[in-house]
Amino acid sequence: MTPDSLRPNAATGVAAYRNGAMTVHAVRVNAGNLTVGEQFVGGSCSTLPGGGLVFATEHGPLRARVGDWIVRNAHGDYYTCRDEQFQATYERIEE
């Protein structure tokens, strides 16, 4: 379960988070928001068996399982992060 301090924007599913001086935008993948994940990465995604997404990046395809976070850094690069690591690393900020 995601702590209230990490909950994303209810309308878009996306929120800003900080790790020290670095700010990122992220959305958590769950079975009910696969289209939000697709909109966040700005392209088409494939659905994984059992849930989750595979999406294209300039560095190759990335896989985000249900419960993972899709993160976009300030340079526009995407990566995925397991929930446990995300919660230990980032704090939500208001923009």
PDB file of N, CA and C in Angstrom:
ATOM      1  N   MET A   1       0.839  -1.176   0.000  1.00  0.00           N
ATOM      2  CA  MET A   1       0.000   0.000   0.000  1.00  0.00           C
ATOM      3  C   MET A   1       0.887   1.244   0.000  1.00  0.00           C
ATOM      4  N   THR A   2       0.505   2.224  -0.804  1.00  0.00           N
ATOM      5  CA  THR A   2       1.284   3.445  -0.917  1.00  0.00           C
ATOM      6  C   THR A   2       0.947   4.391   0.223  1.00  0.00           C
ATOM      7  N   PRO A   3       1.966   4.879   0.941  1.00  0.00           N
ATOM      8  CA  PRO A   3       1.692   5.841   2.012  1.00  0.00           C
ATOM      9  C   PRO A   3       1.098   7.125   1.441  1.00  0.00           C
ATOM     10  N   ASP A   4       0.298   7.836   2.257  1.00  0.00           N
ATOM     11  CA  ASP A   4      -0.303   9.084   1.806  1.00  0.00           C
ATOM     12  C   ASP A   4       0.733  10.062   1.291  1.00  0.00           C
ATOM     13  N   SER A   5       1.935  10.043   1.848  1.00  0.00           N
ATOM     14  CA  SER A   5       2.971  10.985   1.435  1.00  0.00           C
ATOM     15  C   SER A   5       3.458  10.742   0.012  1.00  0.00           C
ATOM     16  N   LEU A   6       3.123   9.589  -0.579  1.00  0.00           N
ATOM     17  CA  LEU A   6       3.536   9.296  -1.949  1.00  0.00           C
ATOM     18  C   LEU A   6       2.373   9.261  -2.928  1.00  0.00           C
ATOM     19  N   ARG A   7       1.159   9.496  -2.462  1.00  0.00           N
ATOM     20  CA  ARG A   7       0.000   9.374  -3.341  1.00  0.00           C
ATOM     21  C   ARG A   7       0.058  10.390  -4.474  1.00  0.00           C
ATOM     22  N   PRO A   8      -0.186   9.929  -5.727  1.00  0.00           N
ATOM     23  CA  PRO A   8      -0.156  10.822  -6.882  1.00  0.00           C
ATOM     24  C   PRO A   8      -1.430  11.633  -7.022  1.00  0.00           C
ATOM     25  N   ASN A   9      -1.420  12.556  -7.953  1.00  0.00           N
ATOM     26  CA  ASN A   9      -2.570  13.380  -8.285  1.00  0.00           C
ATOM     27  C   ASN A   9      -3.737  12.473  -8.671  1.00  0.00           C
ATOM     28  N   ALA A  10      -4.886  12.690  -8.062  1.00  0.00           N
ATOM     29  CA  ALA A  10      -6.046  11.825  -8.303  1.00  0.00           C
ATOM     30  C   ALA A  10      -6.545  11.921  -9.742  1.00  0.00           C
ATOM     31  N   ALA A  11      -6.422  13.071 -10.376  1.00  0.00           N
ATOM     32  CA  ALA A  11      -6.939  13.254 -11.730  1.00  0.00           C
ATOM     33  C   ALA A  11      -6.050  12.598 -12.786  1.00  0.00           C
ATOM     34  N   THR A  12      -4.733  12.696 -12.647  1.00  0.00           N
ATOM     35  CA  THR A  12      -3.837  12.205 -13.687  1.00  0.00           C
ATOM     36  C   THR A  12      -3.048  10.978 -13.289  1.00  0.00           C
ATOM     37  N   GLY A  13      -2.909  10.727 -11.994  1.00  0.00           N
ATOM     38  CA  GLY A  13      -2.087   9.629 -11.528  1.00  0.00           C
ATOM     39  C   GLY A  13      -0.614   9.966 -11.464  1.00  0.00           C
ATOM     40  N   VAL A  14      -0.241  11.171 -11.905  1.00  0.00           N
ATOM     41  CA  VAL A  14       1.159  11.589 -11.959  1.00  0.00           C
ATOM     42  C   VAL A  14       1.432  12.605 -10.860  1.00  0.00           C
ATOM     43  N   ALA A  15       2.617  12.519 -10.267  1.00  0.00           N
ATOM     44  CA  ALA A  15       3.012  13.499  -9.256  1.00  0.00           C
ATOM     45  C   ALA A  15       4.507  13.738  -9.353  1.00  0.00           C
ATOM     46  N   ALA A  16       4.965  14.815  -8.727  1.00  0.00           N
ATOM     47  CA  ALA A  16       6.386  15.146  -8.679  1.00  0.00           C
ATOM     48  C   ALA A  16       6.966  14.612  -7.372  1.00  0.00           C
ATOM     49  N   TYR A  17       8.199  14.123  -7.461  1.00  0.00           N
ATOM     50  CA  TYR A  17       8.895  13.570  -6.308  1.00  0.00           C
ATOM     51  C   TYR A  17      10.327  14.078  -6.322  1.00  0.00           C
ATOM     52  N   ARG A  18      10.957  14.055  -5.153  1.00  0.00           N
ATOM     53  CA  ARG A  18      12.322  14.543  -5.043  1.00  0.00           C
ATOM     54  C   ARG A  18      13.194  13.507  -4.350  1.00  0.00           C
ATOM     55  N   ASN A  19      14.428  13.458  -4.833  1.00  0.00           N
ATOM     56  CA  ASN A  19      15.481  12.671  -4.209  1.00  0.00           C
ATOM     57  C   ASN A  19      16.665  13.627  -4.101  1.00  0.00           C
ATOM     58  N   GLY A  20      16.836  14.269  -2.963  1.00  0.00           N
ATOM     59  CA  GLY A  20      17.854  15.303  -2.828  1.00  0.00           C
ATOM     60  C   GLY A  20      17.478  16.483  -3.696  1.00  0.00           C
ATOM     61  N   ALA A  21      18.358  16.900  -4.588  1.00  0.00           N
ATOM     62  CA  ALA A  21      18.087  18.035  -5.460  1.00  0.00           C
ATOM     63  C   ALA A  21      17.391  17.632  -6.757  1.00  0.00           C
ATOM     64  N   MET A  22      17.312  16.333  -7.039  1.00  0.00           N
ATOM     65  CA  MET A  22      16.720  15.858  -8.280  1.00  0.00           C
ATOM     66  C   MET A  22      15.198  15.726  -8.145  1.00  0.00           C
ATOM     67  N   THR A  23      14.467  16.318  -9.096  1.00  0.00           N
ATOM     68  CA  THR A  23      13.015  16.200  -9.147  1.00  0.00           C
ATOM     69  C   THR A  23      12.640  15.327 -10.337  1.00  0.00           C
ATOM     70  N   VAL A  24      11.705  14.409 -10.114  1.00  0.00           N
ATOM     71  CA  VAL A  24      11.211  13.521 -11.167  1.00  0.00           C
ATOM     72  C   VAL A  24       9.679  13.549 -11.130  1.00  0.00           C
ATOM     73  N   HIS A  25       9.075  13.059 -12.196  1.00  0.00           N
ATOM     74  CA  HIS A  25       7.635  12.820 -12.229  1.00  0.00           C
ATOM     75  C   HIS A  25       7.444  11.328 -12.344  1.00  0.00           C
ATOM     76  N   ALA A  26       6.426  10.814 -11.675  1.00  0.00           N
ATOM     77  CA  ALA A  26       6.249   9.364 -11.658  1.00  0.00           C
ATOM     78  C   ALA A  26       4.787   8.988 -11.526  1.00  0.00           C
ATOM     79  N   VAL A  27       4.491   7.782 -11.975  1.00  0.00           N
ATOM     80  CA  VAL A  27       3.172   7.191 -11.830  1.00  0.00           C
ATOM     81  C   VAL A  27       3.370   5.733 -11.447  1.00  0.00           C
ATOM     82  N   ARG A  28       2.546   5.262 -10.530  1.00  0.00           N
ATOM     83  CA  ARG A  28       2.620   3.860 -10.103  1.00  0.00           C
ATOM     84  C   ARG A  28       1.688   3.032 -10.977  1.00  0.00           C
ATOM     85  N   VAL A  29       2.174   1.919 -11.433  1.00  0.00           N
ATOM     86  CA  VAL A  29       1.404   1.029 -12.296  1.00  0.00           C
ATOM     87  C   VAL A  29       0.547   0.117 -11.444  1.00  0.00           C
ATOM     88  N   ASN A  30      -0.745   0.110 -11.724  1.00  0.00           N
ATOM     89  CA  ASN A  30      -1.619  -0.884 -11.119  1.00  0.00           C
ATOM     90  C   ASN A  30      -2.623  -1.328 -12.164  1.00  0.00           C
ATOM     91  N   ALA A  31      -3.325  -2.384 -11.887  1.00  0.00           N
ATOM     92  CA  ALA A  31      -4.222  -2.970 -12.882  1.00  0.00           C
ATOM     93  C   ALA A  31      -5.298  -1.990 -13.343  1.00  0.00           C
ATOM     94  N   GLY A  32      -5.627  -1.006 -12.523  1.00  0.00           N
ATOM     95  CA  GLY A  32      -6.673  -0.050 -12.877  1.00  0.00           C
ATOM     96  C   GLY A  32      -6.188   1.193 -13.597  1.00  0.00           C
ATOM     97  N   ASN A  33      -4.858   1.362 -13.774  1.00  0.00           N
ATOM     98  CA  ASN A  33      -4.384   2.591 -14.409  1.00  0.00           C
ATOM     99  C   ASN A  33      -3.420   2.351 -15.560  1.00  0.00           C
ATOM    100  N   LEU A  34      -3.557   1.261 -16.271  1.00  0.00           N
ATOM    101  CA  LEU A  34      -2.647   0.980 -17.369  1.00  0.00           C
ATOM    102  C   LEU A  34      -2.701   2.068 -18.434  1.00  0.00           C
ATOM    103  N   THR A  35      -3.878   2.640 -18.685  1.00  0.00           N
ATOM    104  CA  THR A  35      -3.962   3.715 -19.676  1.00  0.00           C
ATOM    105  C   THR A  35      -3.260   4.979 -19.176  1.00  0.00           C
ATOM    106  N   VAL A  36      -3.259   5.217 -17.866  1.00  0.00           N
ATOM    107  CA  VAL A  36      -2.528   6.358 -17.305  1.00  0.00           C
ATOM    108  C   VAL A  36      -1.041   6.179 -17.568  1.00  0.00           C
ATOM    109  N   GLY A  37      -0.535   4.972 -17.373  1.00  0.00           N
ATOM    110  CA  GLY A  37       0.864   4.694 -17.671  1.00  0.00           C
ATOM    111  C   GLY A  37       1.184   4.928 -19.133  1.00  0.00           C
ATOM    112  N   GLU A  38       0.293   4.506 -19.995  1.00  0.00           N
ATOM    113  CA  GLU A  38       0.480   4.704 -21.431  1.00  0.00           C
ATOM    114  C   GLU A  38       0.498   6.198 -21.773  1.00  0.00           C
ATOM    115  N   GLN A  39      -0.411   6.962 -21.193  1.00  0.00           N
ATOM    116  CA  GLN A  39      -0.432   8.409 -21.431  1.00  0.00           C
ATOM    117  C   GLN A  39       0.824   9.067 -20.880  1.00  0.00           C
ATOM    118  N   PHE A  40       1.305   8.623 -19.749  1.00  0.00           N
ATOM    119  CA  PHE A  40       2.480   9.210 -19.116  1.00  0.00           C
ATOM    120  C   PHE A  40       3.716   9.065 -20.004  1.00  0.00           C
ATOM    121  N   VAL A  41       3.899   7.908 -20.633  1.00  0.00           N
ATOM    122  CA  VAL A  41       5.077   7.700 -21.474  1.00  0.00           C
ATOM    123  C   VAL A  41       4.882   8.241 -22.886  1.00  0.00           C
ATOM    124  N   GLY A  42       3.657   8.677 -23.195  1.00  0.00           N
ATOM    125  CA  GLY A  42       3.407   9.334 -24.475  1.00  0.00           C
ATOM    126  C   GLY A  42       3.472   8.430 -25.682  1.00  0.00           C
ATOM    127  N   GLY A  43       3.119   7.200 -25.525  1.00  0.00           N
ATOM    128  CA  GLY A  43       3.146   6.287 -26.656  1.00  0.00           C
ATOM    129  C   GLY A  43       2.375   5.034 -26.362  1.00  0.00           C
ATOM    130  N   SER A  44       2.393   4.156 -27.322  1.00  0.00           N
ATOM    131  CA  SER A  44       1.655   2.917 -27.124  1.00  0.00           C
ATOM    132  C   SER A  44       2.463   1.960 -26.264  1.00  0.00           C
ATOM    133  N   CYS A  45       1.744   1.189 -25.515  1.00  0.00           N
ATOM    134  CA  CYS A  45       2.338   0.195 -24.625  1.00  0.00           C
ATOM    135  C   CYS A  45       1.718  -1.153 -24.908  1.00  0.00           C
ATOM    136  N   SER A  46       2.438  -2.178 -24.594  1.00  0.00           N
ATOM    137  CA  SER A  46       1.902  -3.532 -24.641  1.00  0.00           C
ATOM    138  C   SER A  46       1.600  -3.953 -23.213  1.00  0.00           C
ATOM    139  N   THR A  47       0.546  -4.723 -23.056  1.00  0.00           N
ATOM    140  CA  THR A  47       0.178  -5.219 -21.735  1.00  0.00           C
ATOM    141  C   THR A  47       0.871  -6.547 -21.491  1.00  0.00           C
ATOM    142  N   LEU A  48       1.401  -6.703 -20.285  1.00  0.00           N
ATOM    143  CA  LEU A  48       2.058  -7.948 -19.901  1.00  0.00           C
ATOM    144  C   LEU A  48       1.043  -8.949 -19.361  1.00  0.00           C
ATOM    145  N   PRO A  49       1.252 -10.235 -19.570  1.00  0.00           N
ATOM    146  CA  PRO A  49       0.394 -11.226 -18.935  1.00  0.00           C
ATOM    147  C   PRO A  49       0.454 -11.042 -17.412  1.00  0.00           C
ATOM    148  N   GLY A  50      -0.669 -11.027 -16.764  1.00  0.00           N
ATOM    149  CA  GLY A  50      -0.712 -10.808 -15.322  1.00  0.00           C
ATOM    150  C   GLY A  50      -0.682  -9.344 -14.936  1.00  0.00           C
ATOM    151  N   GLY A  51      -0.678  -8.444 -15.910  1.00  0.00           N
ATOM    152  CA  GLY A  51      -0.678  -7.010 -15.643  1.00  0.00           C
ATOM    153  C   GLY A  51       0.687  -6.393 -15.856  1.00  0.00           C
ATOM    154  N   GLY A  52       0.695  -5.107 -15.984  1.00  0.00           N
ATOM    155  CA  GLY A  52       1.922  -4.375 -16.227  1.00  0.00           C
ATOM    156  C   GLY A  52       2.029  -3.959 -17.675  1.00  0.00           C
ATOM    157  N   LEU A  53       3.093  -3.223 -17.971  1.00  0.00           N
ATOM    158  CA  LEU A  53       3.267  -2.634 -19.291  1.00  0.00           C
ATOM    159  C   LEU A  53       4.685  -2.843 -19.800  1.00  0.00           C
ATOM    160  N   VAL A  54       4.802  -2.875 -21.121  1.00  0.00           N
ATOM    161  CA  VAL A  54       6.088  -2.757 -21.797  1.00  0.00           C
ATOM    162  C   VAL A  54       5.956  -1.553 -22.705  1.00  0.00           C
ATOM    163  N   PHE A  55       6.924  -0.628 -22.641  1.00  0.00           N
ATOM    164  CA  PHE A  55       6.862   0.562 -23.481  1.00  0.00           C
ATOM    165  C   PHE A  55       8.237   0.857 -24.058  1.00  0.00           C
ATOM    166  N   ALA A  56       8.228   1.543 -25.192  1.00  0.00           N
ATOM    167  CA  ALA A  56       9.469   1.850 -25.892  1.00  0.00           C
ATOM    168  C   ALA A  56      10.096   3.123 -25.346  1.00  0.00           C
ATOM    169  N   THR A  57      11.419   3.109 -25.229  1.00  0.00           N
ATOM    170  CA  THR A  57      12.188   4.310 -24.901  1.00  0.00           C
ATOM    171  C   THR A  57      13.318   4.399 -25.921  1.00  0.00           C
ATOM    172  N   GLU A  58      14.034   5.507 -25.920  1.00  0.00           N
ATOM    173  CA  GLU A  58      15.149   5.636 -26.862  1.00  0.00           C
ATOM    174  C   GLU A  58      16.283   4.667 -26.544  1.00  0.00           C
ATOM    175  N   HIS A  59      16.262   4.095 -25.354  1.00  0.00           N
ATOM    176  CA  HIS A  59      17.284   3.134 -24.948  1.00  0.00           C
ATOM    177  C   HIS A  59      16.803   1.697 -25.061  1.00  0.00           C
ATOM    178  N   GLY A  60      15.602   1.498 -25.603  1.00  0.00           N
ATOM    179  CA  GLY A  60      15.051   0.161 -25.746  1.00  0.00           C
ATOM    180  C   GLY A  60      13.805  -0.011 -24.903  1.00  0.00           C
ATOM    181  N   PRO A  61      13.158  -1.175 -24.985  1.00  0.00           N
ATOM    182  CA  PRO A  61      11.907  -1.398 -24.263  1.00  0.00           C
ATOM    183  C   PRO A  61      12.131  -1.505 -22.755  1.00  0.00           C
ATOM    184  N   LEU A  62      11.169  -0.991 -22.003  1.00  0.00           N
ATOM    185  CA  LEU A  62      11.175  -1.116 -20.542  1.00  0.00           C
ATOM    186  C   LEU A  62       9.918  -1.838 -20.105  1.00  0.00           C
ATOM    187  N   ARG A  63      10.043  -2.612 -19.057  1.00  0.00           N
ATOM    188  CA  ARG A  63       8.926  -3.361 -18.492  1.00  0.00           C
ATOM    189  C   ARG A  63       8.608  -2.785 -17.117  1.00  0.00           C
ATOM    190  N   ALA A  64       7.324  -2.523 -16.886  1.00  0.00           N
ATOM    191  CA  ALA A  64       6.857  -2.065 -15.579  1.00  0.00           C
ATOM    192  C   ALA A  64       5.782  -3.034 -15.113  1.00  0.00           C
ATOM    193  N   ARG A  65       6.057  -3.730 -14.046  1.00  0.00           N
ATOM    194  CA  ARG A  65       5.085  -4.676 -13.492  1.00  0.00           C
ATOM    195  C   ARG A  65       4.097  -3.933 -12.610  1.00  0.00           C
ATOM    196  N   VAL A  66       2.961  -4.565 -12.344  1.00  0.00           N
ATOM    197  CA  VAL A  66       1.983  -3.985 -11.421  1.00  0.00           C
ATOM    198  C   VAL A  66       2.697  -3.745 -10.090  1.00  0.00           C
ATOM    199  N   GLY A  67       2.556  -2.526  -9.573  1.00  0.00           N
ATOM    200  CA  GLY A  67       3.216  -2.139  -8.329  1.00  0.00           C
ATOM    201  C   GLY A  67       4.477  -1.325  -8.546  1.00  0.00           C
ATOM    202  N   ASP A  68       5.086  -1.431  -9.737  1.00  0.00           N
ATOM    203  CA  ASP A  68       6.276  -0.641 -10.051  1.00  0.00           C
ATOM    204  C   ASP A  68       5.886   0.813 -10.337  1.00  0.00           C
ATOM    205  N   TRP A  69       6.886   1.666 -10.326  1.00  0.00           N
ATOM    206  CA  TRP A  69       6.717   3.073 -10.691  1.00  0.00           C
ATOM    207  C   TRP A  69       7.408   3.322 -12.024  1.00  0.00           C
ATOM    208  N   ILE A  70       6.759   4.107 -12.891  1.00  0.00           N
ATOM    209  CA  ILE A  70       7.396   4.605 -14.099  1.00  0.00           C
ATOM    210  C   ILE A  70       7.844   6.025 -13.769  1.00  0.00           C
ATOM    211  N   VAL A  71       9.128   6.285 -13.934  1.00  0.00           N
ATOM    212  CA  VAL A  71       9.724   7.550 -13.522  1.00  0.00           C
ATOM    213  C   VAL A  71      10.276   8.271 -14.750  1.00  0.00           C
ATOM    214  N   ARG A  72      10.015   9.593 -14.839  1.00  0.00           N
ATOM    215  CA  ARG A  72      10.581  10.431 -15.894  1.00  0.00           C
ATOM    216  C   ARG A  72      11.468  11.475 -15.235  1.00  0.00           C
ATOM    217  N   ASN A  73      12.740  11.505 -15.591  1.00  0.00           N
ATOM    218  CA  ASN A  73      13.644  12.472 -14.974  1.00  0.00           C
ATOM    219  C   ASN A  73      13.589  13.819 -15.707  1.00  0.00           C
ATOM    220  N   ALA A  74      14.366  14.781 -15.256  1.00  0.00           N
ATOM    221  CA  ALA A  74      14.347  16.137 -15.816  1.00  0.00           C
ATOM    222  C   ALA A  74      14.805  16.175 -17.269  1.00  0.00           C
ATOM    223  N   HIS A  75      15.528  15.155 -17.717  1.00  0.00           N
ATOM    224  CA  HIS A  75      15.999  15.099 -19.102  1.00  0.00           C
ATOM    225  C   HIS A  75      14.991  14.417 -20.022  1.00  0.00           C
ATOM    226  N   GLY A  76      13.874  13.945 -19.449  1.00  0.00           N
ATOM    227  CA  GLY A  76      12.852  13.274 -20.244  1.00  0.00           C
ATOM    228  C   GLY A  76      13.088  11.784 -20.416  1.00  0.00           C
ATOM    229  N   ASP A  77      14.088  11.237 -19.731  1.00  0.00           N
ATOM    230  CA  ASP A  77      14.357   9.803 -19.796  1.00  0.00           C
ATOM    231  C   ASP A  77      13.431   9.059 -18.840  1.00  0.00           C
ATOM    232  N   TYR A  78      13.024   7.865 -19.251  1.00  0.00           N
ATOM    233  CA  TYR A  78      12.145   7.035 -18.434  1.00  0.00           C
ATOM    234  C   TYR A  78      12.905   5.854 -17.865  1.00  0.00           C
ATOM    235  N   TYR A  79      12.528   5.448 -16.674  1.00  0.00           N
ATOM    236  CA  TYR A  79      13.020   4.210 -16.086  1.00  0.00           C
ATOM    237  C   TYR A  79      11.950   3.685 -15.148  1.00  0.00           C
ATOM    238  N   THR A  80      12.089   2.430 -14.754  1.00  0.00           N
ATOM    239  CA  THR A  80      11.128   1.848 -13.825  1.00  0.00           C
ATOM    240  C   THR A  80      11.813   1.621 -12.491  1.00  0.00           C
ATOM    241  N   CYS A  81      11.009   1.580 -11.443  1.00  0.00           N
ATOM    242  CA  CYS A  81      11.538   1.431 -10.094  1.00  0.00           C
ATOM    243  C   CYS A  81      10.564   0.576  -9.288  1.00  0.00           C
ATOM    244  N   ARG A  82      11.079  -0.426  -8.612  1.00  0.00           N
ATOM    245  CA  ARG A  82      10.244  -1.245  -7.735  1.00  0.00           C
ATOM    246  C   ARG A  82       9.693  -0.366  -6.619  1.00  0.00           C
ATOM    247  N   ASP A  83       8.506  -0.683  -6.142  1.00  0.00           N
ATOM    248  CA  ASP A  83       7.831   0.141  -5.142  1.00  0.00           C
ATOM    249  C   ASP A  83       8.660   0.320  -3.869  1.00  0.00           C
ATOM    250  N   GLU A  84       9.268  -0.741  -3.382  1.00  0.00           N
ATOM    251  CA  GLU A  84      10.040  -0.649  -2.139  1.00  0.00           C
ATOM    252  C   GLU A  84      11.186   0.347  -2.281  1.00  0.00           C
ATOM    253  N   GLN A  85      11.875   0.296  -3.423  1.00  0.00           N
ATOM    254  CA  GLN A  85      12.994   1.210  -3.669  1.00  0.00           C
ATOM    255  C   GLN A  85      12.494   2.644  -3.845  1.00  0.00           C
ATOM    256  N   PHE A  86      11.372   2.807  -4.558  1.00  0.00           N
ATOM    257  CA  PHE A  86      10.818   4.138  -4.780  1.00  0.00           C
ATOM    258  C   PHE A  86      10.461   4.792  -3.443  1.00  0.00           C
ATOM    259  N   GLN A  87       9.779   4.054  -2.582  1.00  0.00           N
ATOM    260  CA  GLN A  87       9.373   4.603  -1.291  1.00  0.00           C
ATOM    261  C   GLN A  87      10.566   4.962  -0.419  1.00  0.00           C
ATOM    262  N   ALA A  88      11.647   4.210  -0.535  1.00  0.00           N
ATOM    263  CA  ALA A  88      12.849   4.481   0.253  1.00  0.00           C
ATOM    264  C   ALA A  88      13.669   5.642  -0.308  1.00  0.00           C
ATOM    265  N   THR A  89      13.436   5.993  -1.569  1.00  0.00           N
ATOM    266  CA  THR A  89      14.294   6.949  -2.254  1.00  0.00           C
ATOM    267  C   THR A  89      13.660   8.322  -2.450  1.00  0.00           C
ATOM    268  N   TYR A  90      12.351   8.384  -2.717  1.00  0.00           N
ATOM    269  CA  TYR A  90      11.703   9.630  -3.129  1.00  0.00           C
ATOM    270  C   TYR A  90      10.702  10.126  -2.091  1.00  0.00           C
ATOM    271  N   GLU A  91      10.503  11.447  -2.086  1.00  0.00           N
ATOM    272  CA  GLU A  91       9.436  12.059  -1.318  1.00  0.00           C
ATOM    273  C   GLU A  91       8.624  12.935  -2.249  1.00  0.00           C
ATOM    274  N   ARG A  92       7.326  12.955  -2.054  1.00  0.00           N
ATOM    275  CA  ARG A  92       6.438  13.732  -2.913  1.00  0.00           C
ATOM    276  C   ARG A  92       6.606  15.215  -2.614  1.00  0.00           C
ATOM    277  N   ILE A  93       6.532  16.026  -3.669  1.00  0.00           N
ATOM    278  CA  ILE A  93       6.564  17.476  -3.514  1.00  0.00           C
ATOM    279  C   ILE A  93       5.394  18.076  -4.261  1.00  0.00           C
ATOM    280  N   GLU A  94       4.997  19.251  -3.844  1.00  0.00           N
ATOM    281  CA  GLU A  94       3.930  19.990  -4.532  1.00  0.00           C
ATOM    282  C   GLU A  94       4.582  20.865  -5.590  1.00  0.00           C
ATOM    283  N   GLU A  95       3.959  20.937  -6.754  1.00  0.00           N
ATOM    284  CA  GLU A  95       4.489  21.799  -7.799  1.00  0.00           C
ATOM    285  C   GLU A  95       3.707  23.078  -7.890  1.00  0.00           C
TER     286      GLU A  95
END
